[in-house]
């Protein structure tokens, strides 16, 4: 799959992820402060592998003004069934609009794919963020022991079709 830049906003570019991004994306997930404490076990062994990147729509936000493009965040859109499977922003880049930029990019990708809705099962502390970018609550996904020991909010992005 191509790694060409698909969107640029200021000093941030969004491009399609490639297999060689797998280790950096895995590190981002595992080192996220959002998953400290009681949530740490969920991501301790999590891996974003090359096959996952090649079979899903995974996009990476990078620092466009740096050689090599430092990863600032990423998301994964699964088409069938439509779901925002992953969305992470580095701890250092949080609060800079990277998450909002990624969600807007995801919505454009979903629209281009003909989707009218995209589900997201949220990490509990991230629910407020998803609501702030337009996701609507649809329910709760019960804990799934032993992997996930807590209930999670389920939300939905409604995608306007052209």
C-alpha atoms as a PDB file:
ATOM      1  CA  UNK A   1       0.000   0.000   0.000  1.00  0.00           C
ATOM      2  CA  UNK A   2       1.143   3.533  -0.713  1.00  0.00           C
ATOM      3  CA  UNK A   3       2.619   5.677   2.024  1.00  0.00           C
ATOM      4  CA  UNK A   4       1.946   8.968   0.290  1.00  0.00           C
ATOM      5  CA  UNK A   5       0.730  11.915   2.298  1.00  0.00           C
ATOM      6  CA  UNK A   6      -3.058  12.198   2.210  1.00  0.00           C
ATOM      7  CA  UNK A   7      -3.586  15.312   4.312  1.00  0.00           C
ATOM      8  CA  UNK A   8      -1.455  18.095   5.728  1.00  0.00           C
ATOM      9  CA  UNK A   9      -2.498  20.610   8.363  1.00  0.00           C
ATOM     10  CA  UNK A  10       0.136  22.991   9.608  1.00  0.00           C
ATOM     11  CA  UNK A  11       3.114  20.920  10.643  1.00  0.00           C
ATOM     12  CA  UNK A  12       1.154  17.653  10.794  1.00  0.00           C
ATOM     13  CA  UNK A  13       0.746  15.268   7.875  1.00  0.00           C
ATOM     14  CA  UNK A  14      -1.486  12.205   7.748  1.00  0.00           C
ATOM     15  CA  UNK A  15      -0.341   9.311   5.627  1.00  0.00           C
ATOM     16  CA  UNK A  16      -1.273   5.696   5.143  1.00  0.00           C
ATOM     17  CA  UNK A  17       0.625   3.448   7.537  1.00  0.00           C
ATOM     18  CA  UNK A  18       3.010   0.879   6.110  1.00  0.00           C
ATOM     19  CA  UNK A  19       4.281  -2.384   7.573  1.00  0.00           C
ATOM     20  CA  UNK A  20       7.516  -0.782   8.789  1.00  0.00           C
ATOM     21  CA  UNK A  21       5.422   1.460  11.105  1.00  0.00           C
ATOM     22  CA  UNK A  22       4.294  -1.552  13.147  1.00  0.00           C
ATOM     23  CA  UNK A  23       6.916  -1.302  15.898  1.00  0.00           C
ATOM     24  CA  UNK A  24       6.406   2.446  16.386  1.00  0.00           C
ATOM     25  CA  UNK A  25       2.622   2.059  16.563  1.00  0.00           C
ATOM     26  CA  UNK A  26       2.909  -0.845  18.982  1.00  0.00           C
ATOM     27  CA  UNK A  27       5.218   1.230  21.195  1.00  0.00           C
ATOM     28  CA  UNK A  28       2.744   4.132  21.117  1.00  0.00           C
ATOM     29  CA  UNK A  29      -0.089   1.863  22.303  1.00  0.00           C
ATOM     30  CA  UNK A  30       1.913   0.130  25.015  1.00  0.00           C
ATOM     31  CA  UNK A  31       3.414   3.355  26.383  1.00  0.00           C
ATOM     32  CA  UNK A  32       0.191   5.377  26.465  1.00  0.00           C
ATOM     33  CA  UNK A  33      -0.413   7.011  29.856  1.00  0.00           C
ATOM     34  CA  UNK A  34      -4.134   6.509  29.211  1.00  0.00           C
ATOM     35  CA  UNK A  35      -3.556   2.830  29.959  1.00  0.00           C
ATOM     36  CA  UNK A  36      -1.708   3.138  33.241  1.00  0.00           C
ATOM     37  CA  UNK A  37      -2.913   1.591  36.472  1.00  0.00           C
ATOM     38  CA  UNK A  38      -5.970  -0.630  36.192  1.00  0.00           C
ATOM     39  CA  UNK A  39      -5.933  -0.404  32.379  1.00  0.00           C
ATOM     40  CA  UNK A  40      -2.277  -1.427  31.888  1.00  0.00           C
ATOM     41  CA  UNK A  41      -3.000  -5.132  31.416  1.00  0.00           C
ATOM     42  CA  UNK A  42      -5.140  -4.447  28.355  1.00  0.00           C
ATOM     43  CA  UNK A  43      -2.224  -3.107  26.302  1.00  0.00           C
ATOM     44  CA  UNK A  44       0.753  -4.830  27.947  1.00  0.00           C
ATOM     45  CA  UNK A  45       0.988  -7.456  25.197  1.00  0.00           C
ATOM     46  CA  UNK A  46      -0.878  -5.550  22.474  1.00  0.00           C
ATOM     47  CA  UNK A  47       0.757  -5.583  19.060  1.00  0.00           C
ATOM     48  CA  UNK A  48      -0.032  -3.606  15.931  1.00  0.00           C
ATOM     49  CA  UNK A  49       1.459  -5.989  13.405  1.00  0.00           C
ATOM     50  CA  UNK A  50       2.384  -5.547   9.744  1.00  0.00           C
ATOM     51  CA  UNK A  51      -0.493  -7.788   8.641  1.00  0.00           C
ATOM     52  CA  UNK A  52      -2.993  -5.659  10.571  1.00  0.00           C
ATOM     53  CA  UNK A  53      -1.609  -2.520   8.922  1.00  0.00           C
ATOM     54  CA  UNK A  54      -1.789  -4.080   5.466  1.00  0.00           C
ATOM     55  CA  UNK A  55      -5.371  -5.370   5.832  1.00  0.00           C
ATOM     56  CA  UNK A  56      -7.026  -2.337   7.459  1.00  0.00           C
ATOM     57  CA  UNK A  57      -7.132   1.386   6.805  1.00  0.00           C
ATOM     58  CA  UNK A  58      -4.465   2.520   9.229  1.00  0.00           C
ATOM     59  CA  UNK A  59      -3.356   6.144   9.011  1.00  0.00           C
ATOM     60  CA  UNK A  60      -0.540   7.882  10.863  1.00  0.00           C
ATOM     61  CA  UNK A  61      -0.218  11.537  11.888  1.00  0.00           C
ATOM     62  CA  UNK A  62       3.410  12.584  11.624  1.00  0.00           C
ATOM     63  CA  UNK A  63       5.385  15.755  12.265  1.00  0.00           C
ATOM     64  CA  UNK A  64       5.663  17.045   8.692  1.00  0.00           C
ATOM     65  CA  UNK A  65       8.479  19.445   9.507  1.00  0.00           C
ATOM     66  CA  UNK A  66      10.860  16.744  10.764  1.00  0.00           C
ATOM     67  CA  UNK A  67      12.943  14.398   8.672  1.00  0.00           C
ATOM     68  CA  UNK A  68      11.574  10.889   9.092  1.00  0.00           C
ATOM     69  CA  UNK A  69       8.241  12.215  10.353  1.00  0.00           C
ATOM     70  CA  UNK A  70       7.966  11.586  14.098  1.00  0.00           C
ATOM     71  CA  UNK A  71       4.721   9.697  14.777  1.00  0.00           C
ATOM     72  CA  UNK A  72       2.206  11.835  16.709  1.00  0.00           C
ATOM     73  CA  UNK A  73      -0.769   9.464  16.556  1.00  0.00           C
ATOM     74  CA  UNK A  74      -2.684   6.984  14.434  1.00  0.00           C
ATOM     75  CA  UNK A  75      -6.063   5.416  13.839  1.00  0.00           C
ATOM     76  CA  UNK A  76      -7.459   2.277  12.281  1.00  0.00           C
ATOM     77  CA  UNK A  77     -10.749   2.138  10.412  1.00  0.00           C
ATOM     78  CA  UNK A  78     -12.238  -1.323   9.883  1.00  0.00           C
ATOM     79  CA  UNK A  79     -14.806  -1.350   7.080  1.00  0.00           C
ATOM     80  CA  UNK A  80     -16.753  -4.525   7.770  1.00  0.00           C
ATOM     81  CA  UNK A  81     -18.344  -4.062  10.187  1.00  0.00           C
ATOM     82  CA  UNK A  82     -17.572  -0.316  10.274  1.00  0.00           C
ATOM     83  CA  UNK A  83     -15.550   0.476  13.387  1.00  0.00           C
ATOM     84  CA  UNK A  84     -12.904   2.880  14.568  1.00  0.00           C
ATOM     85  CA  UNK A  85     -10.793   0.089  16.008  1.00  0.00           C
ATOM     86  CA  UNK A  86      -7.828   2.073  17.310  1.00  0.00           C
ATOM     87  CA  UNK A  87      -7.066   5.757  17.881  1.00  0.00           C
ATOM     88  CA  UNK A  88      -4.001   6.825  19.820  1.00  0.00           C
ATOM     89  CA  UNK A  89      -2.140  10.109  20.186  1.00  0.00           C
ATOM     90  CA  UNK A  90       1.273  10.251  21.828  1.00  0.00           C
ATOM     91  CA  UNK A  91       1.238  11.628  25.342  1.00  0.00           C
ATOM     92  CA  UNK A  92       3.438  14.547  24.239  1.00  0.00           C
ATOM     93  CA  UNK A  93       1.099  15.512  21.367  1.00  0.00           C
ATOM     94  CA  UNK A  94      -2.170  15.414  23.326  1.00  0.00           C
ATOM     95  CA  UNK A  95      -4.024  18.698  23.519  1.00  0.00           C
ATOM     96  CA  UNK A  96      -2.674  19.895  20.157  1.00  0.00           C
ATOM     97  CA  UNK A  97      -5.669  18.866  18.021  1.00  0.00           C
ATOM     98  CA  UNK A  98      -4.078  15.691  16.639  1.00  0.00           C
ATOM     99  CA  UNK A  99      -6.964  13.477  17.811  1.00  0.00           C
ATOM    100  CA  UNK A 100      -9.526  15.814  16.230  1.00  0.00           C
ATOM    101  CA  UNK A 101      -7.525  15.840  13.002  1.00  0.00           C
ATOM    102  CA  UNK A 102      -7.411  12.033  12.973  1.00  0.00           C
ATOM    103  CA  UNK A 103     -11.167  11.764  13.615  1.00  0.00           C
ATOM    104  CA  UNK A 104     -11.909  14.213  10.796  1.00  0.00           C
ATOM    105  CA  UNK A 105      -9.658  12.188   8.491  1.00  0.00           C
ATOM    106  CA  UNK A 106     -11.387   8.973   9.575  1.00  0.00           C
ATOM    107  CA  UNK A 107     -14.807  10.485   8.806  1.00  0.00           C
ATOM    108  CA  UNK A 108     -13.630  11.485   5.334  1.00  0.00           C
ATOM    109  CA  UNK A 109     -12.272   7.971   4.731  1.00  0.00           C
ATOM    110  CA  UNK A 110     -15.532   6.434   5.961  1.00  0.00           C
ATOM    111  CA  UNK A 111     -17.543   8.728   3.697  1.00  0.00           C
ATOM    112  CA  UNK A 112     -15.353   7.851   0.703  1.00  0.00           C
ATOM    113  CA  UNK A 113     -15.941   4.160   1.475  1.00  0.00           C
ATOM    114  CA  UNK A 114     -19.724   4.729   1.469  1.00  0.00           C
ATOM    115  CA  UNK A 115     -20.199   4.190   5.199  1.00  0.00           C
ATOM    116  CA  UNK A 116     -22.992   6.041   6.983  1.00  0.00           C
ATOM    117  CA  UNK A 117     -21.961   5.041  10.526  1.00  0.00           C
ATOM    118  CA  UNK A 118     -18.786   4.070  12.339  1.00  0.00           C
ATOM    119  CA  UNK A 119     -18.889   2.363  15.728  1.00  0.00           C
ATOM    120  CA  UNK A 120     -16.320   2.989  18.431  1.00  0.00           C
ATOM    121  CA  UNK A 121     -15.956   1.059  21.668  1.00  0.00           C
ATOM    122  CA  UNK A 122     -14.201   3.573  23.857  1.00  0.00           C
ATOM    123  CA  UNK A 123     -11.597   3.294  26.536  1.00  0.00           C
ATOM    124  CA  UNK A 124     -13.640   4.699  29.470  1.00  0.00           C
ATOM    125  CA  UNK A 125     -11.423   7.779  30.029  1.00  0.00           C
ATOM    126  CA  UNK A 126     -11.654   8.634  26.281  1.00  0.00           C
ATOM    127  CA  UNK A 127     -15.452   8.791  26.131  1.00  0.00           C
ATOM    128  CA  UNK A 128     -15.498  12.562  26.681  1.00  0.00           C
ATOM    129  CA  UNK A 129     -13.117  13.070  23.783  1.00  0.00           C
ATOM    130  CA  UNK A 130     -15.249  11.001  21.411  1.00  0.00           C
ATOM    131  CA  UNK A 131     -18.375  12.891  22.429  1.00  0.00           C
ATOM    132  CA  UNK A 132     -16.566  16.200  21.895  1.00  0.00           C
ATOM    133  CA  UNK A 133     -15.794  15.237  18.295  1.00  0.00           C
ATOM    134  CA  UNK A 134     -19.356  14.198  17.487  1.00  0.00           C
ATOM    135  CA  UNK A 135     -19.737  10.565  18.516  1.00  0.00           C
ATOM    136  CA  UNK A 136     -23.117   9.711  19.983  1.00  0.00           C
ATOM    137  CA  UNK A 137     -23.563   7.175  22.805  1.00  0.00           C
ATOM    138  CA  UNK A 138     -25.334   3.973  21.793  1.00  0.00           C
ATOM    139  CA  UNK A 139     -24.799   1.694  24.781  1.00  0.00           C
ATOM    140  CA  UNK A 140     -22.257  -0.163  26.863  1.00  0.00           C
ATOM    141  CA  UNK A 141     -20.083  -3.134  25.972  1.00  0.00           C
ATOM    142  CA  UNK A 142     -19.781  -5.429  29.005  1.00  0.00           C
ATOM    143  CA  UNK A 143     -16.424  -6.510  30.388  1.00  0.00           C
ATOM    144  CA  UNK A 144     -14.770  -9.377  28.526  1.00  0.00           C
ATOM    145  CA  UNK A 145     -12.667 -11.234  31.086  1.00  0.00           C
ATOM    146  CA  UNK A 146      -9.787 -11.797  31.309  1.00  0.00           C
ATOM    147  CA  UNK A 147      -8.711  -9.330  28.568  1.00  0.00           C
ATOM    148  CA  UNK A 148     -10.958  -6.415  29.554  1.00  0.00           C
ATOM    149  CA  UNK A 149     -12.119  -6.207  33.156  1.00  0.00           C
ATOM    150  CA  UNK A 150     -14.429  -3.191  32.835  1.00  0.00           C
ATOM    151  CA  UNK A 151     -17.490  -2.133  30.884  1.00  0.00           C
ATOM    152  CA  UNK A 152     -16.785   0.215  27.971  1.00  0.00           C
ATOM    153  CA  UNK A 153     -18.912   2.950  26.415  1.00  0.00           C
ATOM    154  CA  UNK A 154     -20.125   2.245  22.885  1.00  0.00           C
ATOM    155  CA  UNK A 155     -20.558   5.244  20.600  1.00  0.00           C
ATOM    156  CA  UNK A 156     -21.248   5.918  16.959  1.00  0.00           C
ATOM    157  CA  UNK A 157     -20.135   8.475  14.437  1.00  0.00           C
ATOM    158  CA  UNK A 158     -22.843   9.262  11.904  1.00  0.00           C
ATOM    159  CA  UNK A 159     -21.241   9.892   8.558  1.00  0.00           C
ATOM    160  CA  UNK A 160     -23.073  12.169   6.112  1.00  0.00           C
ATOM    161  CA  UNK A 161     -23.096  10.660   2.657  1.00  0.00           C
ATOM    162  CA  UNK A 162     -22.460  12.940  -0.337  1.00  0.00           C
END
